[in-house]
Amino acid sequence: MYNNKMERLKIVLEIVNKLKNYKCPNGTIINLYNENLCYFIKELKEIFNKYIKQDEDNVVDYKGVLYFQEINKNIEYFLPCKKNVESLFVIKSNTQGL
């Protein structure tokens, strides 16, 4: 079974909520879902919009990597088309040395 539009919206809203209430290592909360603070958000909003508004007869997974320029890390995401598959949105540690 495939996620319908409302289910895809729910997946996106869960990610947005986590970004808006991101807990820093020192315990403070910061809103990362802010285009003025995080450059990748504009691209992420476009991805979310396309994912949610897919044609119900041709629903596909959305997956990829975004560059979080401000902290020099990559964000890996997976937005599933099928109901039995978990979404993924993680900020990856930079594995390259200085």
Protein backbone atom coordinates (compact mmCIF):
# COMPACT_ATOMS: atom_id res chain seq x y z
CA MET A 1 0.00 0.00 0.00
CA TYR A 2 1.12 3.52 -0.77
CA ASN A 3 1.04 6.62 1.42
CA ASN A 4 -1.73 8.98 0.34
CA LYS A 5 -1.34 12.76 0.28
CA MET A 6 -2.36 13.22 3.93
CA GLU A 7 0.03 10.51 5.09
CA ARG A 8 2.87 12.09 3.12
CA LEU A 9 1.99 15.46 4.69
CA LYS A 10 2.15 13.86 8.15
CA ILE A 11 5.65 12.49 7.41
CA VAL A 12 6.82 15.94 6.30
CA LEU A 13 5.26 17.72 9.29
CA GLU A 14 7.03 15.36 11.71
CA ILE A 15 10.38 16.28 10.13
CA VAL A 16 9.53 20.01 10.08
CA ASN A 17 8.57 19.88 13.77
CA LYS A 18 11.90 18.26 14.65
CA LEU A 19 13.78 20.92 12.67
CA LYS A 20 11.82 23.74 14.32
CA ASN A 21 12.60 22.32 17.75
CA TYR A 22 16.15 21.06 17.22
CA LYS A 23 17.89 20.41 20.53
CA CYS A 24 21.54 21.47 20.54
CA PRO A 25 24.20 19.55 22.50
CA ASN A 26 24.15 22.28 25.18
CA GLY A 27 20.39 21.80 25.69
CA THR A 28 19.16 24.93 23.93
CA ILE A 29 16.43 24.67 21.29
CA ILE A 30 16.96 26.26 17.88
CA ASN A 31 14.68 26.59 14.85
CA LEU A 32 16.64 25.08 11.94
CA TYR A 33 13.58 25.37 9.65
CA ASN A 34 14.53 28.94 8.80
CA GLU A 35 15.77 29.92 5.33
CA ASN A 36 17.67 32.87 6.82
CA LEU A 37 19.56 30.59 9.20
CA CYS A 38 20.01 27.44 7.10
CA TYR A 39 20.62 27.66 3.38
CA PHE A 40 19.39 24.10 2.64
CA ILE A 41 15.84 24.84 3.86
CA LYS A 42 14.74 26.47 0.59
CA GLU A 43 15.69 23.32 -1.34
CA LEU A 44 14.15 21.12 1.35
CA LYS A 45 10.82 22.98 1.11
CA GLU A 46 10.76 22.35 -2.65
CA ILE A 47 11.46 18.64 -2.09
CA PHE A 48 8.73 18.40 0.56
CA ASN A 49 6.24 20.17 -1.72
CA LYS A 50 6.92 17.82 -4.64
CA TYR A 51 6.78 14.76 -2.37
CA ILE A 52 3.42 15.74 -0.89
CA LYS A 53 1.80 16.78 -4.18
CA GLN A 54 2.71 13.67 -6.19
CA ASP A 55 0.15 12.17 -8.55
CA GLU A 56 -1.64 9.46 -6.55
CA ASP A 57 -1.28 7.06 -9.50
CA ASN A 58 2.50 7.42 -9.66
CA VAL A 59 3.84 7.82 -6.10
CA VAL A 60 7.61 7.37 -5.72
CA ASP A 61 10.16 7.52 -2.92
CA TYR A 62 12.13 10.73 -2.50
CA LYS A 63 15.69 10.26 -1.30
CA GLY A 64 18.93 12.13 -1.44
CA VAL A 65 21.50 14.22 0.34
CA LEU A 66 21.44 17.93 1.15
CA TYR A 67 24.48 19.93 2.17
CA PHE A 68 24.13 21.78 5.49
CA GLN A 69 26.61 24.51 4.59
CA GLU A 70 26.57 26.32 7.92
CA ILE A 71 28.00 23.32 9.81
CA ASN A 72 29.71 21.56 6.87
CA LYS A 73 27.64 18.37 7.19
CA ASN A 74 25.37 16.37 4.91
CA ILE A 75 21.73 15.60 5.57
CA GLU A 76 20.48 12.27 4.29
CA TYR A 77 16.75 11.98 3.70
CA PHE A 78 14.34 9.28 2.60
CA LEU A 79 10.64 10.00 2.15
CA PRO A 80 8.86 6.70 1.46
CA CYS A 81 6.03 6.03 -0.95
CA LYS A 82 4.97 2.82 0.81
CA LYS A 83 3.17 2.67 4.15
CA ASN A 84 5.35 -0.05 5.70
CA VAL A 85 8.62 1.88 5.21
CA GLU A 86 10.07 4.35 7.74
CA SER A 87 11.15 7.84 6.74
CA LEU A 88 14.71 9.01 7.36
CA PHE A 89 16.15 12.46 8.01
CA VAL A 90 19.59 12.57 9.63
CA ILE A 91 22.46 15.01 9.88
CA LYS A 92 25.57 12.97 9.12
CA SER A 93 28.92 13.54 10.76
CA ASN A 94 31.60 14.73 8.39
CA THR A 95 33.94 11.78 7.87
CA GLN A 96 36.64 13.77 6.09
CA GLY A 97 39.67 14.87 8.07
CA LEU A 98 40.78 18.47 8.35
